[in-house]
Amino acid sequence: MAEEKKQEQAIVPPPQYNLDAKWDACLDLGVRRFAYFSLIGGFAGLLLFRSPVTRWASTAFGAGTALGSAYTECSQKFGGYPGKLATNVSEAPTTKDGEH
């Protein structure tokens, strides 16, 4: 009886290894940002530009910005892109003319 219960339970990986959830989140993020930024770019193109070519360019710029930001955030989720890098700043105060 105990062996049957053990076999029935699904093996669930820890959250950091659950790739299905990460892919779902990234796909959702990409589609949402693409739609929202394309609409924002298109609306801005209608307000700011007269030519249809520049209006489409504004829409394409919004879509490209959305895909780029979604790619960056998804790369961070998968661990392939380091976040903000720490700068190597010296703790010692600097003085003029190299004096100590």
PDB file of N, CA and C in Angstrom:
ATOM      1  N   MET A   1       0.816  -1.191   0.000  1.00  0.00           N
ATOM      2  CA  MET A   1       0.000   0.000   0.000  1.00  0.00           C
ATOM      3  C   MET A   1       0.865   1.261   0.000  1.00  0.00           C
ATOM      4  N   ALA A   2       1.900   1.280   0.804  1.00  0.00           N
ATOM      5  CA  ALA A   2       2.785   2.447   0.879  1.00  0.00           C
ATOM      6  C   ALA A   2       3.544   2.633  -0.434  1.00  0.00           C
ATOM      7  N   GLU A   3       3.876   1.500  -1.078  1.00  0.00           N
ATOM      8  CA  GLU A   3       4.585   1.590  -2.344  1.00  0.00           C
ATOM      9  C   GLU A   3       3.696   2.187  -3.437  1.00  0.00           C
ATOM     10  N   GLU A   4       2.388   1.871  -3.401  1.00  0.00           N
ATOM     11  CA  GLU A   4       1.466   2.419  -4.392  1.00  0.00           C
ATOM     12  C   GLU A   4       1.335   3.932  -4.241  1.00  0.00           C
ATOM     13  N   LYS A   5       1.259   4.430  -3.014  1.00  0.00           N
ATOM     14  CA  LYS A   5       1.159   5.867  -2.781  1.00  0.00           C
ATOM     15  C   LYS A   5       2.429   6.568  -3.244  1.00  0.00           C
ATOM     16  N   LYS A   6       3.558   5.932  -3.007  1.00  0.00           N
ATOM     17  CA  LYS A   6       4.836   6.517  -3.383  1.00  0.00           C
ATOM     18  C   LYS A   6       4.929   6.650  -4.907  1.00  0.00           C
ATOM     19  N   GLN A   7       4.432   5.667  -5.643  1.00  0.00           N
ATOM     20  CA  GLN A   7       4.491   5.694  -7.092  1.00  0.00           C
ATOM     21  C   GLN A   7       3.485   6.679  -7.676  1.00  0.00           C
ATOM     22  N   GLU A   8       2.364   6.912  -6.989  1.00  0.00           N
ATOM     23  CA  GLU A   8       1.335   7.813  -7.490  1.00  0.00           C
ATOM     24  C   GLU A   8       1.740   9.277  -7.387  1.00  0.00           C
ATOM     25  N   GLN A   9       2.577   9.623  -6.425  1.00  0.00           N
ATOM     26  CA  GLN A   9       2.988  11.008  -6.241  1.00  0.00           C
ATOM     27  C   GLN A   9       3.918  11.431  -7.378  1.00  0.00           C
ATOM     28  N   ALA A  10       3.628  12.579  -7.939  1.00  0.00           N
ATOM     29  CA  ALA A  10       4.452  13.097  -9.030  1.00  0.00           C
ATOM     30  C   ALA A  10       5.710  13.730  -8.448  1.00  0.00           C
ATOM     31  N   ILE A  11       6.791  13.562  -9.172  1.00  0.00           N
ATOM     32  CA  ILE A  11       8.047  14.164  -8.752  1.00  0.00           C
ATOM     33  C   ILE A  11       8.060  15.597  -9.270  1.00  0.00           C
ATOM     34  N   VAL A  12       8.131  16.560  -8.365  1.00  0.00           N
ATOM     35  CA  VAL A  12       8.119  17.969  -8.712  1.00  0.00           C
ATOM     36  C   VAL A  12       9.514  18.526  -8.460  1.00  0.00           C
ATOM     37  N   PRO A  13      10.141  19.080  -9.505  1.00  0.00           N
ATOM     38  CA  PRO A  13      11.479  19.640  -9.319  1.00  0.00           C
ATOM     39  C   PRO A  13      11.425  20.944  -8.524  1.00  0.00           C
ATOM     40  N   PRO A  14      12.538  21.323  -7.902  1.00  0.00           N
ATOM     41  CA  PRO A  14      12.573  22.604  -7.195  1.00  0.00           C
ATOM     42  C   PRO A  14      12.325  23.759  -8.171  1.00  0.00           C
ATOM     43  N   PRO A  15      11.869  24.908  -7.678  1.00  0.00           N
ATOM     44  CA  PRO A  15      11.516  26.017  -8.571  1.00  0.00           C
ATOM     45  C   PRO A  15      12.660  26.489  -9.473  1.00  0.00           C
ATOM     46  N   GLN A  16      13.907  26.440  -9.001  1.00  0.00           N
ATOM     47  CA  GLN A  16      15.009  26.922  -9.827  1.00  0.00           C
ATOM     48  C   GLN A  16      15.282  26.002 -11.008  1.00  0.00           C
ATOM     49  N   TYR A  17      14.800  24.755 -10.966  1.00  0.00           N
ATOM     50  CA  TYR A  17      15.002  23.809 -12.063  1.00  0.00           C
ATOM     51  C   TYR A  17      13.738  23.558 -12.875  1.00  0.00           C
ATOM     52  N   ASN A  18      12.658  24.204 -12.543  1.00  0.00           N
ATOM     53  CA  ASN A  18      11.394  23.995 -13.240  1.00  0.00           C
ATOM     54  C   ASN A  18      11.383  24.846 -14.517  1.00  0.00           C
ATOM     55  N   LEU A  19      11.845  24.267 -15.613  1.00  0.00           N
ATOM     56  CA  LEU A  19      11.974  25.004 -16.864  1.00  0.00           C
ATOM     57  C   LEU A  19      10.626  25.308 -17.506  1.00  0.00           C
ATOM     58  N   ASP A  20       9.637  24.459 -17.281  1.00  0.00           N
ATOM     59  CA  ASP A  20       8.321  24.717 -17.870  1.00  0.00           C
ATOM     60  C   ASP A  20       7.741  26.026 -17.351  1.00  0.00           C
ATOM     61  N   ALA A  21       7.857  26.255 -16.056  1.00  0.00           N
ATOM     62  CA  ALA A  21       7.332  27.495 -15.473  1.00  0.00           C
ATOM     63  C   ALA A  21       8.113  28.701 -15.982  1.00  0.00           C
ATOM     64  N   LYS A  22       9.428  28.555 -16.142  1.00  0.00           N
ATOM     65  CA  LYS A  22      10.234  29.671 -16.641  1.00  0.00           C
ATOM     66  C   LYS A  22       9.868  30.002 -18.088  1.00  0.00           C
ATOM     67  N   TRP A  23       9.706  28.980 -18.912  1.00  0.00           N
ATOM     68  CA  TRP A  23       9.334  29.222 -20.308  1.00  0.00           C
ATOM     69  C   TRP A  23       7.950  29.851 -20.405  1.00  0.00           C
ATOM     70  N   ASP A  24       7.019  29.390 -19.589  1.00  0.00           N
ATOM     71  CA  ASP A  24       5.682  29.970 -19.589  1.00  0.00           C
ATOM     72  C   ASP A  24       5.728  31.443 -19.186  1.00  0.00           C
ATOM     73  N   ALA A  25       6.499  31.734 -18.140  1.00  0.00           N
ATOM     74  CA  ALA A  25       6.607  33.118 -17.678  1.00  0.00           C
ATOM     75  C   ALA A  25       7.265  33.995 -18.735  1.00  0.00           C
ATOM     76  N   CYS A  26       8.284  33.484 -19.393  1.00  0.00           N
ATOM     77  CA  CYS A  26       8.978  34.269 -20.420  1.00  0.00           C
ATOM     78  C   CYS A  26       8.098  34.490 -21.647  1.00  0.00           C
ATOM     79  N   LEU A  27       7.366  33.487 -22.043  1.00  0.00           N
ATOM     80  CA  LEU A  27       6.465  33.635 -23.182  1.00  0.00           C
ATOM     81  C   LEU A  27       5.376  34.654 -22.873  1.00  0.00           C
ATOM     82  N   ASP A  28       4.816  34.562 -21.686  1.00  0.00           N
ATOM     83  CA  ASP A  28       3.786  35.509 -21.265  1.00  0.00           C
ATOM     84  C   ASP A  28       4.347  36.928 -21.230  1.00  0.00           C
ATOM     85  N   LEU A  29       5.528  37.078 -20.666  1.00  0.00           N
ATOM     86  CA  LEU A  29       6.161  38.392 -20.584  1.00  0.00           C
ATOM     87  C   LEU A  29       6.433  38.959 -21.972  1.00  0.00           C
ATOM     88  N   GLY A  30       6.946  38.135 -22.868  1.00  0.00           N
ATOM     89  CA  GLY A  30       7.249  38.593 -24.216  1.00  0.00           C
ATOM     90  C   GLY A  30       6.015  39.007 -24.996  1.00  0.00           C
ATOM     91  N   VAL A  31       4.970  38.222 -24.917  1.00  0.00           N
ATOM     92  CA  VAL A  31       3.746  38.534 -25.661  1.00  0.00           C
ATOM     93  C   VAL A  31       3.086  39.799 -25.115  1.00  0.00           C
ATOM     94  N   ARG A  32       3.038  39.913 -23.795  1.00  0.00           N
ATOM     95  CA  ARG A  32       2.427  41.106 -23.198  1.00  0.00           C
ATOM     96  C   ARG A  32       3.193  42.369 -23.563  1.00  0.00           C
ATOM     97  N   ARG A  33       4.506  42.323 -23.388  1.00  0.00           N
ATOM     98  CA  ARG A  33       5.299  43.518 -23.695  1.00  0.00           C
ATOM     99  C   ARG A  33       5.229  43.860 -25.179  1.00  0.00           C
ATOM    100  N   PHE A  34       5.253  42.843 -26.033  1.00  0.00           N
ATOM    101  CA  PHE A  34       5.160  43.093 -27.471  1.00  0.00           C
ATOM    102  C   PHE A  34       3.846  43.797 -27.800  1.00  0.00           C
ATOM    103  N   ALA A  35       2.753  43.317 -27.251  1.00  0.00           N
ATOM    104  CA  ALA A  35       1.447  43.914 -27.536  1.00  0.00           C
ATOM    105  C   ALA A  35       1.358  45.331 -26.977  1.00  0.00           C
ATOM    106  N   TYR A  36       1.739  45.513 -25.719  1.00  0.00           N
ATOM    107  CA  TYR A  36       1.607  46.829 -25.092  1.00  0.00           C
ATOM    108  C   TYR A  36       2.516  47.863 -25.749  1.00  0.00           C
ATOM    109  N   PHE A  37       3.772  47.516 -25.973  1.00  0.00           N
ATOM    110  CA  PHE A  37       4.709  48.476 -26.538  1.00  0.00           C
ATOM    111  C   PHE A  37       4.383  48.764 -28.000  1.00  0.00           C
ATOM    112  N   SER A  38       3.851  47.788 -28.723  1.00  0.00           N
ATOM    113  CA  SER A  38       3.440  48.043 -30.105  1.00  0.00           C
ATOM    114  C   SER A  38       2.274  49.020 -30.142  1.00  0.00           C
ATOM    115  N   LEU A  39       1.337  48.842 -29.240  1.00  0.00           N
ATOM    116  CA  LEU A  39       0.206  49.774 -29.171  1.00  0.00           C
ATOM    117  C   LEU A  39       0.658  51.169 -28.768  1.00  0.00           C
ATOM    118  N   ILE A  40       1.556  51.240 -27.812  1.00  0.00           N
ATOM    119  CA  ILE A  40       2.066  52.540 -27.381  1.00  0.00           C
ATOM    120  C   ILE A  40       2.832  53.203 -28.529  1.00  0.00           C
ATOM    121  N   GLY A  41       3.668  52.443 -29.209  1.00  0.00           N
ATOM    122  CA  GLY A  41       4.409  52.995 -30.346  1.00  0.00           C
ATOM    123  C   GLY A  41       3.490  53.440 -31.473  1.00  0.00           C
ATOM    124  N   GLY A  42       2.463  52.658 -31.738  1.00  0.00           N
ATOM    125  CA  GLY A  42       1.503  53.032 -32.776  1.00  0.00           C
ATOM    126  C   GLY A  42       0.721  54.281 -32.417  1.00  0.00           C
ATOM    127  N   PHE A  43       0.319  54.379 -31.164  1.00  0.00           N
ATOM    128  CA  PHE A  43      -0.413  55.564 -30.709  1.00  0.00           C
ATOM    129  C   PHE A  43       0.484  56.801 -30.762  1.00  0.00           C
ATOM    130  N   ALA A  44       1.733  56.648 -30.329  1.00  0.00           N
ATOM    131  CA  ALA A  44       2.677  57.769 -30.405  1.00  0.00           C
ATOM    132  C   ALA A  44       2.930  58.157 -31.855  1.00  0.00           C
ATOM    133  N   GLY A  45       2.995  57.170 -32.748  1.00  0.00           N
ATOM    134  CA  GLY A  45       3.165  57.463 -34.168  1.00  0.00           C
ATOM    135  C   GLY A  45       1.994  58.238 -34.740  1.00  0.00           C
ATOM    136  N   LEU A  46       0.775  57.907 -34.304  1.00  0.00           N
ATOM    137  CA  LEU A  46      -0.400  58.647 -34.767  1.00  0.00           C
ATOM    138  C   LEU A  46      -0.381  60.089 -34.290  1.00  0.00           C
ATOM    139  N   LEU A  47       0.092  60.298 -33.067  1.00  0.00           N
ATOM    140  CA  LEU A  47       0.121  61.648 -32.517  1.00  0.00           C
ATOM    141  C   LEU A  47       1.251  62.500 -33.079  1.00  0.00           C
ATOM    142  N   LEU A  48       2.400  61.889 -33.333  1.00  0.00           N
ATOM    143  CA  LEU A  48       3.594  62.668 -33.639  1.00  0.00           C
ATOM    144  C   LEU A  48       3.935  62.761 -35.126  1.00  0.00           C
ATOM    145  N   PHE A  49       3.554  61.772 -35.929  1.00  0.00           N
ATOM    146  CA  PHE A  49       4.024  61.711 -37.302  1.00  0.00           C
ATOM    147  C   PHE A  49       2.868  61.738 -38.293  1.00  0.00           C
ATOM    148  N   ARG A  50       3.150  62.265 -39.481  1.00  0.00           N
ATOM    149  CA  ARG A  50       2.138  62.314 -40.533  1.00  0.00           C
ATOM    150  C   ARG A  50       2.294  61.178 -41.538  1.00  0.00           C
ATOM    151  N   SER A  51       3.508  60.828 -41.831  1.00  0.00           N
ATOM    152  CA  SER A  51       3.772  59.825 -42.859  1.00  0.00           C
ATOM    153  C   SER A  51       3.483  58.412 -42.335  1.00  0.00           C
ATOM    154  N   PRO A  52       2.860  57.572 -43.155  1.00  0.00           N
ATOM    155  CA  PRO A  52       2.612  56.190 -42.723  1.00  0.00           C
ATOM    156  C   PRO A  52       3.895  55.411 -42.440  1.00  0.00           C
ATOM    157  N   VAL A  53       4.956  55.747 -43.159  1.00  0.00           N
ATOM    158  CA  VAL A  53       6.225  55.039 -42.960  1.00  0.00           C
ATOM    159  C   VAL A  53       6.772  55.322 -41.562  1.00  0.00           C
ATOM    160  N   THR A  54       6.738  56.566 -41.138  1.00  0.00           N
ATOM    161  CA  THR A  54       7.255  56.897 -39.810  1.00  0.00           C
ATOM    162  C   THR A  54       6.341  56.366 -38.709  1.00  0.00           C
ATOM    163  N   ARG A  55       5.064  56.275 -38.997  1.00  0.00           N
ATOM    164  CA  ARG A  55       4.150  55.680 -38.007  1.00  0.00           C
ATOM    165  C   ARG A  55       4.470  54.194 -37.813  1.00  0.00           C
ATOM    166  N   TRP A  56       4.714  53.502 -38.925  1.00  0.00           N
ATOM    167  CA  TRP A  56       5.092  52.083 -38.814  1.00  0.00           C
ATOM    168  C   TRP A  56       6.447  51.934 -38.140  1.00  0.00           C
ATOM    169  N   ALA A  57       7.342  52.871 -38.416  1.00  0.00           N
ATOM    170  CA  ALA A  57       8.655  52.820 -37.770  1.00  0.00           C
ATOM    171  C   ALA A  57       8.523  53.001 -36.266  1.00  0.00           C
ATOM    172  N   SER A  58       7.627  53.867 -35.848  1.00  0.00           N
ATOM    173  CA  SER A  58       7.385  54.071 -34.421  1.00  0.00           C
ATOM    174  C   SER A  58       6.815  52.800 -33.785  1.00  0.00           C
ATOM    175  N   THR A  59       5.915  52.146 -34.474  1.00  0.00           N
ATOM    176  CA  THR A  59       5.347  50.890 -33.981  1.00  0.00           C
ATOM    177  C   THR A  59       6.417  49.799 -33.908  1.00  0.00           C
ATOM    178  N   ALA A  60       7.262  49.732 -34.930  1.00  0.00           N
ATOM    179  CA  ALA A  60       8.335  48.734 -34.939  1.00  0.00           C
ATOM    180  C   ALA A  60       9.356  49.008 -33.844  1.00  0.00           C
ATOM    181  N   PHE A  61       9.637  50.282 -33.582  1.00  0.00           N
ATOM    182  CA  PHE A  61      10.558  50.628 -32.505  1.00  0.00           C
ATOM    183  C   PHE A  61       9.998  50.170 -31.156  1.00  0.00           C
ATOM    184  N   GLY A  62       8.711  50.379 -30.940  1.00  0.00           N
ATOM    185  CA  GLY A  62       8.080  49.925 -29.704  1.00  0.00           C
ATOM    186  C   GLY A  62       8.133  48.412 -29.556  1.00  0.00           C
ATOM    187  N   ALA A  63       7.880  47.704 -30.651  1.00  0.00           N
ATOM    188  CA  ALA A  63       7.926  46.238 -30.612  1.00  0.00           C
ATOM    189  C   ALA A  63       9.341  45.743 -30.359  1.00  0.00           C
ATOM    190  N   GLY A  64      10.317  46.369 -30.977  1.00  0.00           N
ATOM    191  CA  GLY A  64      11.709  45.967 -30.759  1.00  0.00           C
ATOM    192  C   GLY A  64      12.174  46.231 -29.351  1.00  0.00           C
ATOM    193  N   THR A  65      11.768  47.356 -28.802  1.00  0.00           N
ATOM    194  CA  THR A  65      12.101  47.669 -27.408  1.00  0.00           C
ATOM    195  C   THR A  65      11.489  46.634 -26.474  1.00  0.00           C
ATOM    196  N   ALA A  66      10.273  46.246 -26.752  1.00  0.00           N
ATOM    197  CA  ALA A  66       9.591  45.257 -25.914  1.00  0.00           C
ATOM    198  C   ALA A  66      10.287  43.906 -25.970  1.00  0.00           C
ATOM    199  N   LEU A  67      10.627  43.464 -27.163  1.00  0.00           N
ATOM    200  CA  LEU A  67      11.283  42.162 -27.290  1.00  0.00           C
ATOM    201  C   LEU A  67      12.670  42.171 -26.648  1.00  0.00           C
ATOM    202  N   GLY A  68      13.378  43.278 -26.775  1.00  0.00           N
ATOM    203  CA  GLY A  68      14.694  43.375 -26.154  1.00  0.00           C
ATOM    204  C   GLY A  68      14.630  43.341 -24.641  1.00  0.00           C
ATOM    205  N   SER A  69      13.687  44.056 -24.067  1.00  0.00           N
ATOM    206  CA  SER A  69      13.573  44.055 -22.610  1.00  0.00           C
ATOM    207  C   SER A  69      13.069  42.701 -22.094  1.00  0.00           C
ATOM    208  N   ALA A  70      12.175  42.065 -22.843  1.00  0.00           N
ATOM    209  CA  ALA A  70      11.696  40.739 -22.441  1.00  0.00           C
ATOM    210  C   ALA A  70      12.826  39.714 -22.530  1.00  0.00           C
ATOM    211  N   TYR A  71      13.651  39.813 -23.568  1.00  0.00           N
ATOM    212  CA  TYR A  71      14.789  38.903 -23.709  1.00  0.00           C
ATOM    213  C   TYR A  71      15.774  39.068 -22.556  1.00  0.00           C
ATOM    214  N   THR A  72      16.046  40.299 -22.182  1.00  0.00           N
ATOM    215  CA  THR A  72      16.975  40.561 -21.080  1.00  0.00           C
ATOM    216  C   THR A  72      16.450  39.990 -19.777  1.00  0.00           C
ATOM    217  N   GLU A  73      15.181  40.203 -19.496  1.00  0.00           N
ATOM    218  CA  GLU A  73      14.616  39.698 -18.243  1.00  0.00           C
ATOM    219  C   GLU A  73      14.543  38.176 -18.232  1.00  0.00           C
ATOM    220  N   CYS A  74      14.216  37.569 -19.367  1.00  0.00           N
ATOM    221  CA  CYS A  74      14.172  36.109 -19.434  1.00  0.00           C
ATOM    222  C   CYS A  74      15.567  35.508 -19.304  1.00  0.00           C
ATOM    223  N   SER A  75      16.561  36.179 -19.849  1.00  0.00           N
ATOM    224  CA  SER A  75      17.931  35.698 -19.693  1.00  0.00           C
ATOM    225  C   SER A  75      18.345  35.696 -18.230  1.00  0.00           C
ATOM    226  N   GLN A  76      17.895  36.692 -17.494  1.00  0.00           N
ATOM    227  CA  GLN A  76      18.190  36.735 -16.065  1.00  0.00           C
ATOM    228  C   GLN A  76      17.500  35.585 -15.336  1.00  0.00           C
ATOM    229  N   LYS A  77      16.276  35.259 -15.747  1.00  0.00           N
ATOM    230  CA  LYS A  77      15.548  34.159 -15.098  1.00  0.00           C
ATOM    231  C   LYS A  77      16.230  32.823 -15.332  1.00  0.00           C
ATOM    232  N   PHE A  78      16.791  32.643 -16.522  1.00  0.00           N
ATOM    233  CA  PHE A  78      17.467  31.393 -16.834  1.00  0.00           C
ATOM    234  C   PHE A  78      18.909  31.366 -16.348  1.00  0.00           C
ATOM    235  N   GLY A  79      19.383  32.472 -15.821  1.00  0.00           N
ATOM    236  CA  GLY A  79      20.721  32.494 -15.248  1.00  0.00           C
ATOM    237  C   GLY A  79      21.828  32.701 -16.248  1.00  0.00           C
ATOM    238  N   GLY A  80      21.509  33.095 -17.476  1.00  0.00           N
ATOM    239  CA  GLY A  80      22.531  33.266 -18.486  1.00  0.00           C
ATOM    240  C   GLY A  80      23.066  34.674 -18.589  1.00  0.00           C
ATOM    241  N   TYR A  81      22.404  35.611 -17.950  1.00  0.00           N
ATOM    242  CA  TYR A  81      22.814  36.998 -18.029  1.00  0.00           C
ATOM    243  C   TYR A  81      22.961  37.532 -16.623  1.00  0.00           C
ATOM    244  N   PRO A  82      24.137  38.014 -16.268  1.00  0.00           N
ATOM    245  CA  PRO A  82      24.272  38.566 -14.923  1.00  0.00           C
ATOM    246  C   PRO A  82      23.502  39.871 -14.819  1.00  0.00           C
ATOM    247  N   GLY A  83      22.982  40.131 -13.661  1.00  0.00           N
ATOM    248  CA  GLY A  83      22.235  41.359 -13.443  1.00  0.00           C
ATOM    249  C   GLY A  83      23.161  42.558 -13.483  1.00  0.00           C
ATOM    250  N   LYS A  84      22.852  43.547 -12.717  1.00  0.00           N
ATOM    251  CA  LYS A  84      23.693  44.726 -12.682  1.00  0.00           C
ATOM    252  C   LYS A  84      25.035  44.364 -12.068  1.00  0.00           C
ATOM    253  N   LEU A  85      26.087  44.734 -12.746  1.00  0.00           N
ATOM    254  CA  LEU A  85      27.422  44.432 -12.253  1.00  0.00           C
ATOM    255  C   LEU A  85      27.847  45.472 -11.231  1.00  0.00           C
ATOM    256  N   ALA A  86      28.522  45.009 -10.193  1.00  0.00           N
ATOM    257  CA  ALA A  86      29.029  45.920  -9.181  1.00  0.00           C
ATOM    258  C   ALA A  86      30.283  46.605  -9.723  1.00  0.00           C
ATOM    259  N   THR A  87      30.399  47.857  -9.447  1.00  0.00           N
ATOM    260  CA  THR A  87      31.582  48.579  -9.898  1.00  0.00           C
ATOM    261  C   THR A  87      32.687  48.419  -8.870  1.00  0.00           C
ATOM    262  N   ASN A  88      33.908  48.411  -9.330  1.00  0.00           N
ATOM    263  CA  ASN A  88      35.056  48.303  -8.430  1.00  0.00           C
ATOM    264  C   ASN A  88      35.471  49.703  -8.014  1.00  0.00           C
ATOM    265  N   VAL A  89      34.919  50.169  -6.925  1.00  0.00           N
ATOM    266  CA  VAL A  89      35.209  51.498  -6.423  1.00  0.00           C
ATOM    267  C   VAL A  89      36.056  51.349  -5.171  1.00  0.00           C
ATOM    268  N   SER A  90      37.121  52.101  -5.134  1.00  0.00           N
ATOM    269  CA  SER A  90      38.018  52.058  -3.995  1.00  0.00           C
ATOM    270  C   SER A  90      37.360  52.723  -2.793  1.00  0.00           C
ATOM    271  N   GLU A  91      37.619  52.179  -1.622  1.00  0.00           N
ATOM    272  CA  GLU A  91      37.095  52.752  -0.391  1.00  0.00           C
ATOM    273  C   GLU A  91      37.889  53.974   0.038  1.00  0.00           C
ATOM    274  N   ALA A  92      39.156  54.064  -0.380  1.00  0.00           N
ATOM    275  CA  ALA A  92      40.007  55.178   0.033  1.00  0.00           C
ATOM    276  C   ALA A  92      39.638  56.436  -0.750  1.00  0.00           C
ATOM    277  N   PRO A  93      39.568  57.573  -0.067  1.00  0.00           N
ATOM    278  CA  PRO A  93      39.247  58.813  -0.776  1.00  0.00           C
ATOM    279  C   PRO A  93      40.417  59.241  -1.658  1.00  0.00           C
ATOM    280  N   THR A  94      40.096  59.835  -2.772  1.00  0.00           N
ATOM    281  CA  THR A  94      41.140  60.320  -3.669  1.00  0.00           C
ATOM    282  C   THR A  94      41.497  61.754  -3.322  1.00  0.00           C
ATOM    283  N   THR A  95      42.719  62.118  -3.579  1.00  0.00           N
ATOM    284  CA  THR A  95      43.174  63.481  -3.315  1.00  0.00           C
ATOM    285  C   THR A  95      43.712  64.091  -4.600  1.00  0.00           C
ATOM    286  N   LYS A  96      43.897  65.369  -4.595  1.00  0.00           N
ATOM    287  CA  LYS A  96      44.428  66.067  -5.762  1.00  0.00           C
ATOM    288  C   LYS A  96      45.913  65.805  -5.911  1.00  0.00           C
ATOM    289  N   ASP A  97      46.396  65.747  -7.108  1.00  0.00           N
ATOM    290  CA  ASP A  97      47.810  65.631  -7.445  1.00  0.00           C
ATOM    291  C   ASP A  97      48.462  64.396  -6.848  1.00  0.00           C
ATOM    292  N   GLY A  98      47.734  63.375  -6.554  1.00  0.00           N
ATOM    293  CA  GLY A  98      48.310  62.118  -6.066  1.00  0.00           C
ATOM    294  C   GLY A  98      48.843  62.178  -4.651  1.00  0.00           C
ATOM    295  N   GLU A  99      48.474  63.181  -3.870  1.00  0.00           N
ATOM    296  CA  GLU A  99      48.946  63.277  -2.484  1.00  0.00           C
ATOM    297  C   GLU A  99      48.201  62.270  -1.623  1.00  0.00           C
ATOM    298  N   HIS A 100      48.826  61.800  -0.572  1.00  0.00           N
ATOM    299  CA  HIS A 100      48.192  60.827   0.319  1.00  0.00           C
ATOM    300  C   HIS A 100      47.820  61.461   1.618  1.00  0.00           C
TER     301      HIS A 100
END
